[in-house]
Amino acid sequence: MQMITQNNLIALSNLNDYRRAGREHIFPSEASLLWFIRKNKIVLAKAGAILKPAGRLMINQDKFDNAVLNIGILDNHLVEN
């Protein structure tokens, strides 16, 4: 299990704050972000990109960004083959 530090907690944001921090071109609406999370929930959780401290869904911004890129790369490979 990963050691939790203050920096880990600072990296967490709610869905709207994550989307509005310069990511509207990827997720133009909250619904599009929620759809992406539902579609990729297992991959995102394993990457530590989403978690539920205190019972509400939060996003680890850096890990979520990396997961979005990795999922996009994987999707591109699947389409090409």
PDB file of N, CA and C in Angstrom:
ATOM      1  N   MET A   1       0.832  -1.183   0.000  1.00  0.00           N
ATOM      2  CA  MET A   1       0.000   0.000   0.000  1.00  0.00           C
ATOM      3  C   MET A   1       0.877   1.246   0.000  1.00  0.00           C
ATOM      4  N   GLN A   2       0.413   2.271  -0.707  1.00  0.00           N
ATOM      5  CA  GLN A   2       1.168   3.508  -0.832  1.00  0.00           C
ATOM      6  C   GLN A   2       1.099   4.323   0.455  1.00  0.00           C
ATOM      7  N   MET A   3       2.226   4.917   0.813  1.00  0.00           N
ATOM      8  CA  MET A   3       2.272   5.805   1.974  1.00  0.00           C
ATOM      9  C   MET A   3       1.557   7.108   1.626  1.00  0.00           C
ATOM     10  N   ILE A   4       0.637   7.532   2.452  1.00  0.00           N
ATOM     11  CA  ILE A   4      -0.113   8.759   2.217  1.00  0.00           C
ATOM     12  C   ILE A   4       0.616   9.920   2.879  1.00  0.00           C
ATOM     13  N   THR A   5       0.830  10.971   2.101  1.00  0.00           N
ATOM     14  CA  THR A   5       1.467  12.181   2.621  1.00  0.00           C
ATOM     15  C   THR A   5       0.571  13.371   2.306  1.00  0.00           C
ATOM     16  N   GLN A   6       0.921  14.515   2.839  1.00  0.00           N
ATOM     17  CA  GLN A   6       0.150  15.724   2.574  1.00  0.00           C
ATOM     18  C   GLN A   6       0.132  16.033   1.085  1.00  0.00           C
ATOM     19  N   ASN A   7       1.245  15.794   0.382  1.00  0.00           N
ATOM     20  CA  ASN A   7       1.288  16.052  -1.057  1.00  0.00           C
ATOM     21  C   ASN A   7       0.299  15.173  -1.803  1.00  0.00           C
ATOM     22  N   ASN A   8       0.097  13.929  -1.341  1.00  0.00           N
ATOM     23  CA  ASN A   8      -0.896  13.071  -1.967  1.00  0.00           C
ATOM     24  C   ASN A   8      -2.283  13.692  -1.837  1.00  0.00           C
ATOM     25  N   LEU A   9      -2.586  14.219  -0.680  1.00  0.00           N
ATOM     26  CA  LEU A   9      -3.901  14.799  -0.440  1.00  0.00           C
ATOM     27  C   LEU A   9      -4.117  16.087  -1.228  1.00  0.00           C
ATOM     28  N   ILE A  10      -3.082  16.878  -1.388  1.00  0.00           N
ATOM     29  CA  ILE A  10      -3.188  18.117  -2.159  1.00  0.00           C
ATOM     30  C   ILE A  10      -3.467  17.810  -3.630  1.00  0.00           C
ATOM     31  N   ALA A  11      -2.988  16.687  -4.118  1.00  0.00           N
ATOM     32  CA  ALA A  11      -3.189  16.309  -5.516  1.00  0.00           C
ATOM     33  C   ALA A  11      -4.620  15.882  -5.811  1.00  0.00           C
ATOM     34  N   LEU A  12      -5.430  15.686  -4.768  1.00  0.00           N
ATOM     35  CA  LEU A  12      -6.806  15.241  -4.966  1.00  0.00           C
ATOM     36  C   LEU A  12      -7.723  16.412  -5.262  1.00  0.00           C
ATOM     37  N   SER A  13      -8.664  16.179  -6.173  1.00  0.00           N
ATOM     38  CA  SER A  13      -9.672  17.194  -6.456  1.00  0.00           C
ATOM     39  C   SER A  13     -10.994  16.517  -6.765  1.00  0.00           C
ATOM     40  N   ASN A  14     -12.069  17.297  -6.684  1.00  0.00           N
ATOM     41  CA  ASN A  14     -13.348  16.738  -7.091  1.00  0.00           C
ATOM     42  C   ASN A  14     -13.429  16.760  -8.619  1.00  0.00           C
ATOM     43  N   LEU A  15     -14.443  16.140  -9.157  1.00  0.00           N
ATOM     44  CA  LEU A  15     -14.542  15.981 -10.607  1.00  0.00           C
ATOM     45  C   LEU A  15     -14.597  17.316 -11.344  1.00  0.00           C
ATOM     46  N   ASN A  16     -15.427  18.238 -10.864  1.00  0.00           N
ATOM     47  CA  ASN A  16     -15.547  19.520 -11.558  1.00  0.00           C
ATOM     48  C   ASN A  16     -14.271  20.332 -11.512  1.00  0.00           C
ATOM     49  N   ASP A  17     -13.601  20.359 -10.360  1.00  0.00           N
ATOM     50  CA  ASP A  17     -12.341  21.107 -10.270  1.00  0.00           C
ATOM     51  C   ASP A  17     -11.296  20.502 -11.201  1.00  0.00           C
ATOM     52  N   TYR A  18     -11.238  19.180 -11.263  1.00  0.00           N
ATOM     53  CA  TYR A  18     -10.302  18.520 -12.174  1.00  0.00           C
ATOM     54  C   TYR A  18     -10.584  18.934 -13.616  1.00  0.00           C
ATOM     55  N   ARG A  19     -11.829  18.837 -14.016  1.00  0.00           N
ATOM     56  CA  ARG A  19     -12.204  19.125 -15.404  1.00  0.00           C
ATOM     57  C   ARG A  19     -11.958  20.585 -15.757  1.00  0.00           C
ATOM     58  N   ARG A  20     -12.245  21.477 -14.835  1.00  0.00           N
ATOM     59  CA  ARG A  20     -12.128  22.920 -15.102  1.00  0.00           C
ATOM     60  C   ARG A  20     -10.696  23.440 -15.017  1.00  0.00           C
ATOM     61  N   ALA A  21      -9.773  22.602 -14.598  1.00  0.00           N
ATOM     62  CA  ALA A  21      -8.366  23.018 -14.479  1.00  0.00           C
ATOM     63  C   ALA A  21      -7.631  22.780 -15.794  1.00  0.00           C
ATOM     64  N   GLY A  22      -8.222  23.231 -16.889  1.00  0.00           N
ATOM     65  CA  GLY A  22      -7.566  23.146 -18.192  1.00  0.00           C
ATOM     66  C   GLY A  22      -7.795  21.844 -18.937  1.00  0.00           C
ATOM     67  N   ARG A  23      -8.830  21.103 -18.575  1.00  0.00           N
ATOM     68  CA  ARG A  23      -9.075  19.819 -19.233  1.00  0.00           C
ATOM     69  C   ARG A  23     -10.432  19.785 -19.955  1.00  0.00           C
ATOM     70  N   GLU A  24     -11.038  20.951 -20.136  1.00  0.00           N
ATOM     71  CA  GLU A  24     -12.343  21.011 -20.784  1.00  0.00           C
ATOM     72  C   GLU A  24     -12.295  20.536 -22.232  1.00  0.00           C
ATOM     73  N   HIS A  25     -11.133  20.620 -22.854  1.00  0.00           N
ATOM     74  CA  HIS A  25     -11.015  20.157 -24.244  1.00  0.00           C
ATOM     75  C   HIS A  25     -11.051  18.636 -24.340  1.00  0.00           C
ATOM     76  N   ILE A  26     -10.748  17.948 -23.251  1.00  0.00           N
ATOM     77  CA  ILE A  26     -10.822  16.489 -23.211  1.00  0.00           C
ATOM     78  C   ILE A  26     -12.189  16.047 -22.693  1.00  0.00           C
ATOM     79  N   PHE A  27     -12.647  16.700 -21.639  1.00  0.00           N
ATOM     80  CA  PHE A  27     -13.936  16.384 -21.016  1.00  0.00           C
ATOM     81  C   PHE A  27     -14.790  17.650 -21.023  1.00  0.00           C
ATOM     82  N   PRO A  28     -15.546  17.884 -22.101  1.00  0.00           N
ATOM     83  CA  PRO A  28     -16.305  19.135 -22.215  1.00  0.00           C
ATOM     84  C   PRO A  28     -17.452  19.281 -21.219  1.00  0.00           C
ATOM     85  N   SER A  29     -17.845  18.197 -20.592  1.00  0.00           N
ATOM     86  CA  SER A  29     -18.923  18.265 -19.604  1.00  0.00           C
ATOM     87  C   SER A  29     -18.634  17.294 -18.461  1.00  0.00           C
ATOM     88  N   GLU A  30     -19.337  17.505 -17.357  1.00  0.00           N
ATOM     89  CA  GLU A  30     -19.203  16.573 -16.246  1.00  0.00           C
ATOM     90  C   GLU A  30     -19.680  15.183 -16.671  1.00  0.00           C
ATOM     91  N   ALA A  31     -20.714  15.141 -17.500  1.00  0.00           N
ATOM     92  CA  ALA A  31     -21.240  13.853 -17.974  1.00  0.00           C
ATOM     93  C   ALA A  31     -20.192  13.089 -18.775  1.00  0.00           C
ATOM     94  N   SER A  32     -19.394  13.780 -19.584  1.00  0.00           N
ATOM     95  CA  SER A  32     -18.364  13.083 -20.358  1.00  0.00           C
ATOM     96  C   SER A  32     -17.275  12.527 -19.452  1.00  0.00           C
ATOM     97  N   LEU A  33     -16.930  13.257 -18.395  1.00  0.00           N
ATOM     98  CA  LEU A  33     -15.945  12.767 -17.430  1.00  0.00           C
ATOM     99  C   LEU A  33     -16.491  11.566 -16.674  1.00  0.00           C
ATOM    100  N   LEU A  34     -17.734  11.639 -16.247  1.00  0.00           N
ATOM    101  CA  LEU A  34     -18.352  10.512 -15.546  1.00  0.00           C
ATOM    102  C   LEU A  34     -18.437   9.274 -16.435  1.00  0.00           C
ATOM    103  N   TRP A  35     -18.763   9.447 -17.705  1.00  0.00           N
ATOM    104  CA  TRP A  35     -18.814   8.329 -18.647  1.00  0.00           C
ATOM    105  C   TRP A  35     -17.434   7.678 -18.767  1.00  0.00           C
ATOM    106  N   PHE A  36     -16.393   8.507 -18.905  1.00  0.00           N
ATOM    107  CA  PHE A  36     -15.029   7.993 -19.013  1.00  0.00           C
ATOM    108  C   PHE A  36     -14.658   7.193 -17.766  1.00  0.00           C
ATOM    109  N   ILE A  37     -15.011   7.711 -16.600  1.00  0.00           N
ATOM    110  CA  ILE A  37     -14.710   7.018 -15.350  1.00  0.00           C
ATOM    111  C   ILE A  37     -15.462   5.691 -15.279  1.00  0.00           C
ATOM    112  N   ARG A  38     -16.753   5.689 -15.623  1.00  0.00           N
ATOM    113  CA  ARG A  38     -17.518   4.430 -15.608  1.00  0.00           C
ATOM    114  C   ARG A  38     -16.916   3.407 -16.567  1.00  0.00           C
ATOM    115  N   LYS A  39     -16.547   3.844 -17.743  1.00  0.00           N
ATOM    116  CA  LYS A  39     -16.003   2.944 -18.767  1.00  0.00           C
ATOM    117  C   LYS A  39     -14.642   2.371 -18.354  1.00  0.00           C
ATOM    118  N   ASN A  40     -13.863   3.135 -17.605  1.00  0.00           N
ATOM    119  CA  ASN A  40     -12.479   2.766 -17.289  1.00  0.00           C
ATOM    120  C   ASN A  40     -12.218   2.658 -15.795  1.00  0.00           C
ATOM    121  N   LYS A  41     -13.262   2.405 -15.018  1.00  0.00           N
ATOM    122  CA  LYS A  41     -13.169   2.436 -13.556  1.00  0.00           C
ATOM    123  C   LYS A  41     -12.067   1.527 -13.010  1.00  0.00           C
ATOM    124  N   ILE A  42     -11.959   0.317 -13.498  1.00  0.00           N
ATOM    125  CA  ILE A  42     -10.974  -0.628 -12.975  1.00  0.00           C
ATOM    126  C   ILE A  42      -9.553  -0.149 -13.249  1.00  0.00           C
ATOM    127  N   VAL A  43      -9.295   0.279 -14.469  1.00  0.00           N
ATOM    128  CA  VAL A  43      -7.952   0.765 -14.831  1.00  0.00           C
ATOM    129  C   VAL A  43      -7.602   2.003 -14.004  1.00  0.00           C
ATOM    130  N   LEU A  44      -8.544   2.917 -13.873  1.00  0.00           N
ATOM    131  CA  LEU A  44      -8.299   4.146 -13.113  1.00  0.00           C
ATOM    132  C   LEU A  44      -8.046   3.856 -11.635  1.00  0.00           C
ATOM    133  N   ALA A  45      -8.814   2.944 -11.062  1.00  0.00           N
ATOM    134  CA  ALA A  45      -8.629   2.599  -9.656  1.00  0.00           C
ATOM    135  C   ALA A  45      -7.279   1.925  -9.432  1.00  0.00           C
ATOM    136  N   LYS A  46      -6.903   0.999 -10.313  1.00  0.00           N
ATOM    137  CA  LYS A  46      -5.608   0.322 -10.175  1.00  0.00           C
ATOM    138  C   LYS A  46      -4.446   1.294 -10.307  1.00  0.00           C
ATOM    139  N   ALA A  47      -4.631   2.336 -11.115  1.00  0.00           N
ATOM    140  CA  ALA A  47      -3.576   3.336 -11.301  1.00  0.00           C
ATOM    141  C   ALA A  47      -3.528   4.347 -10.157  1.00  0.00           C
ATOM    142  N   GLY A  48      -4.494   4.272  -9.235  1.00  0.00           N
ATOM    143  CA  GLY A  48      -4.549   5.240  -8.144  1.00  0.00           C
ATOM    144  C   GLY A  48      -5.075   6.589  -8.595  1.00  0.00           C
ATOM    145  N   ALA A  49      -5.725   6.628  -9.758  1.00  0.00           N
ATOM    146  CA  ALA A  49      -6.218   7.885 -10.325  1.00  0.00           C
ATOM    147  C   ALA A  49      -7.542   8.322  -9.718  1.00  0.00           C
ATOM    148  N   ILE A  50      -8.335   7.357  -9.255  1.00  0.00           N
ATOM    149  CA  ILE A  50      -9.585   7.676  -8.568  1.00  0.00           C
ATOM    150  C   ILE A  50      -9.603   6.955  -7.229  1.00  0.00           C
ATOM    151  N   LEU A  51     -10.200   7.586  -6.242  1.00  0.00           N
ATOM    152  CA  LEU A  51     -10.351   6.979  -4.934  1.00  0.00           C
ATOM    153  C   LEU A  51     -11.504   7.656  -4.215  1.00  0.00           C
ATOM    154  N   LYS A  52     -11.922   7.051  -3.127  1.00  0.00           N
ATOM    155  CA  LYS A  52     -13.074   7.556  -2.378  1.00  0.00           C
ATOM    156  C   LYS A  52     -12.739   7.763  -0.902  1.00  0.00           C
ATOM    157  N   PRO A  53     -11.931   8.766  -0.588  1.00  0.00           N
ATOM    158  CA  PRO A  53     -11.746   9.061   0.830  1.00  0.00           C
ATOM    159  C   PRO A  53     -13.032   9.706   1.345  1.00  0.00           C
ATOM    160  N   ALA A  54     -13.428   9.367   2.493  1.00  0.00           N
ATOM    161  CA  ALA A  54     -14.651   9.909   3.102  1.00  0.00           C
ATOM    162  C   ALA A  54     -15.893   9.627   2.256  1.00  0.00           C
ATOM    163  N   GLY A  55     -15.831   8.606   1.395  1.00  0.00           N
ATOM    164  CA  GLY A  55     -17.007   8.158   0.665  1.00  0.00           C
ATOM    165  C   GLY A  55     -17.378   8.929  -0.580  1.00  0.00           C
ATOM    166  N   ARG A  56     -16.587   9.911  -0.991  1.00  0.00           N
ATOM    167  CA  ARG A  56     -16.918  10.610  -2.235  1.00  0.00           C
ATOM    168  C   ARG A  56     -15.786  10.487  -3.234  1.00  0.00           C
ATOM    169  N   LEU A  57     -16.138  10.396  -4.491  1.00  0.00           N
ATOM    170  CA  LEU A  57     -15.171  10.171  -5.556  1.00  0.00           C
ATOM    171  C   LEU A  57     -14.256  11.372  -5.717  1.00  0.00           C
ATOM    172  N   MET A  58     -12.958  11.108  -5.685  1.00  0.00           N
ATOM    173  CA  MET A  58     -11.943  12.139  -5.880  1.00  0.00           C
ATOM    174  C   MET A  58     -10.986  11.682  -6.961  1.00  0.00           C
ATOM    175  N   ILE A  59     -10.304  12.635  -7.567  1.00  0.00           N
ATOM    176  CA  ILE A  59      -9.349  12.364  -8.638  1.00  0.00           C
ATOM    177  C   ILE A  59      -7.966  12.803  -8.193  1.00  0.00           C
ATOM    178  N   ASN A  60      -6.989  11.911  -8.355  1.00  0.00           N
ATOM    179  CA  ASN A  60      -5.589  12.283  -8.202  1.00  0.00           C
ATOM    180  C   ASN A  60      -5.180  12.834  -9.561  1.00  0.00           C
ATOM    181  N   GLN A  61      -4.987  14.130  -9.642  1.00  0.00           N
ATOM    182  CA  GLN A  61      -4.842  14.812 -10.919  1.00  0.00           C
ATOM    183  C   GLN A  61      -3.719  14.248 -11.796  1.00  0.00           C
ATOM    184  N   ASP A  62      -2.534  14.099 -11.247  1.00  0.00           N
ATOM    185  CA  ASP A  62      -1.396  13.618 -12.042  1.00  0.00           C
ATOM    186  C   ASP A  62      -1.616  12.185 -12.514  1.00  0.00           C
ATOM    187  N   LYS A  63      -2.078  11.340 -11.618  1.00  0.00           N
ATOM    188  CA  LYS A  63      -2.292   9.937 -11.982  1.00  0.00           C
ATOM    189  C   LYS A  63      -3.446   9.796 -12.969  1.00  0.00           C
ATOM    190  N   PHE A  64      -4.468  10.623 -12.831  1.00  0.00           N
ATOM    191  CA  PHE A  64      -5.589  10.573 -13.762  1.00  0.00           C
ATOM    192  C   PHE A  64      -5.130  11.014 -15.148  1.00  0.00           C
ATOM    193  N   ASP A  65      -4.366  12.105 -15.213  1.00  0.00           N
ATOM    194  CA  ASP A  65      -3.835  12.558 -16.512  1.00  0.00           C
ATOM    195  C   ASP A  65      -3.035  11.452 -17.193  1.00  0.00           C
ATOM    196  N   ASN A  66      -2.143  10.804 -16.439  1.00  0.00           N
ATOM    197  CA  ASN A  66      -1.346   9.713 -17.010  1.00  0.00           C
ATOM    198  C   ASN A  66      -2.226   8.566 -17.466  1.00  0.00           C
ATOM    199  N   ALA A  67      -3.244   8.229 -16.686  1.00  0.00           N
ATOM    200  CA  ALA A  67      -4.144   7.141 -17.054  1.00  0.00           C
ATOM    201  C   ALA A  67      -4.922   7.485 -18.319  1.00  0.00           C
ATOM    202  N   VAL A  68      -5.359   8.735 -18.460  1.00  0.00           N
ATOM    203  CA  VAL A  68      -6.080   9.155 -19.668  1.00  0.00           C
ATOM    204  C   VAL A  68      -5.192   8.950 -20.891  1.00  0.00           C
ATOM    205  N   LEU A  69      -3.945   9.368 -20.790  1.00  0.00           N
ATOM    206  CA  LEU A  69      -3.016   9.190 -21.911  1.00  0.00           C
ATOM    207  C   LEU A  69      -2.783   7.713 -22.211  1.00  0.00           C
ATOM    208  N   ASN A  70      -2.565   6.908 -21.187  1.00  0.00           N
ATOM    209  CA  ASN A  70      -2.329   5.474 -21.396  1.00  0.00           C
ATOM    210  C   ASN A  70      -3.552   4.771 -21.982  1.00  0.00           C
ATOM    211  N   ILE A  71      -4.733   5.135 -21.518  1.00  0.00           N
ATOM    212  CA  ILE A  71      -5.958   4.549 -22.064  1.00  0.00           C
ATOM    213  C   ILE A  71      -6.126   4.962 -23.518  1.00  0.00           C
ATOM    214  N   GLY A  72      -5.823   6.211 -23.829  1.00  0.00           N
ATOM    215  CA  GLY A  72      -5.893   6.681 -25.216  1.00  0.00           C
ATOM    216  C   GLY A  72      -4.924   5.956 -26.121  1.00  0.00           C
ATOM    217  N   ILE A  73      -3.714   5.705 -25.636  1.00  0.00           N
ATOM    218  CA  ILE A  73      -2.719   4.966 -26.420  1.00  0.00           C
ATOM    219  C   ILE A  73      -3.198   3.542 -26.659  1.00  0.00           C
ATOM    220  N   LEU A  74      -3.709   2.903 -25.623  1.00  0.00           N
ATOM    221  CA  LEU A  74      -4.219   1.542 -25.751  1.00  0.00           C
ATOM    222  C   LEU A  74      -5.374   1.493 -26.748  1.00  0.00           C
ATOM    223  N   ASP A  75      -6.306   2.438 -26.658  1.00  0.00           N
ATOM    224  CA  ASP A  75      -7.423   2.481 -27.585  1.00  0.00           C
ATOM    225  C   ASP A  75      -6.946   2.645 -29.023  1.00  0.00           C
ATOM    226  N   ASN A  76      -5.934   3.475 -29.229  1.00  0.00           N
ATOM    227  CA  ASN A  76      -5.388   3.669 -30.587  1.00  0.00           C
ATOM    228  C   ASN A  76      -4.806   2.373 -31.121  1.00  0.00           C
ATOM    229  N   HIS A  77      -4.088   1.627 -30.280  1.00  0.00           N
ATOM    230  CA  HIS A  77      -3.509   0.345 -30.710  1.00  0.00           C
ATOM    231  C   HIS A  77      -4.596  -0.656 -31.061  1.00  0.00           C
ATOM    232  N   LEU A  78      -5.671  -0.654 -30.307  1.00  0.00           N
ATOM    233  CA  LEU A  78      -6.762  -1.596 -30.587  1.00  0.00           C
ATOM    234  C   LEU A  78      -7.438  -1.282 -31.918  1.00  0.00           C
ATOM    235  N   VAL A  79      -7.573   0.002 -32.243  1.00  0.00           N
ATOM    236  CA  VAL A  79      -8.197   0.398 -33.500  1.00  0.00           C
ATOM    237  C   VAL A  79      -7.304   0.046 -34.685  1.00  0.00           C
ATOM    238  N   GLU A  80      -5.988   0.197 -34.516  1.00  0.00           N
ATOM    239  CA  GLU A  80      -5.056  -0.066 -35.603  1.00  0.00           C
ATOM    240  C   GLU A  80      -4.936  -1.536 -35.932  1.00  0.00           C
ATOM    241  N   ASN A  81      -5.203  -2.417 -34.983  1.00  0.00           N
ATOM    242  CA  ASN A  81      -5.047  -3.858 -35.218  1.00  0.00           C
ATOM    243  C   ASN A  81      -6.323  -4.523 -35.588  1.00  0.00           C
TER     244      ASN A  81
END
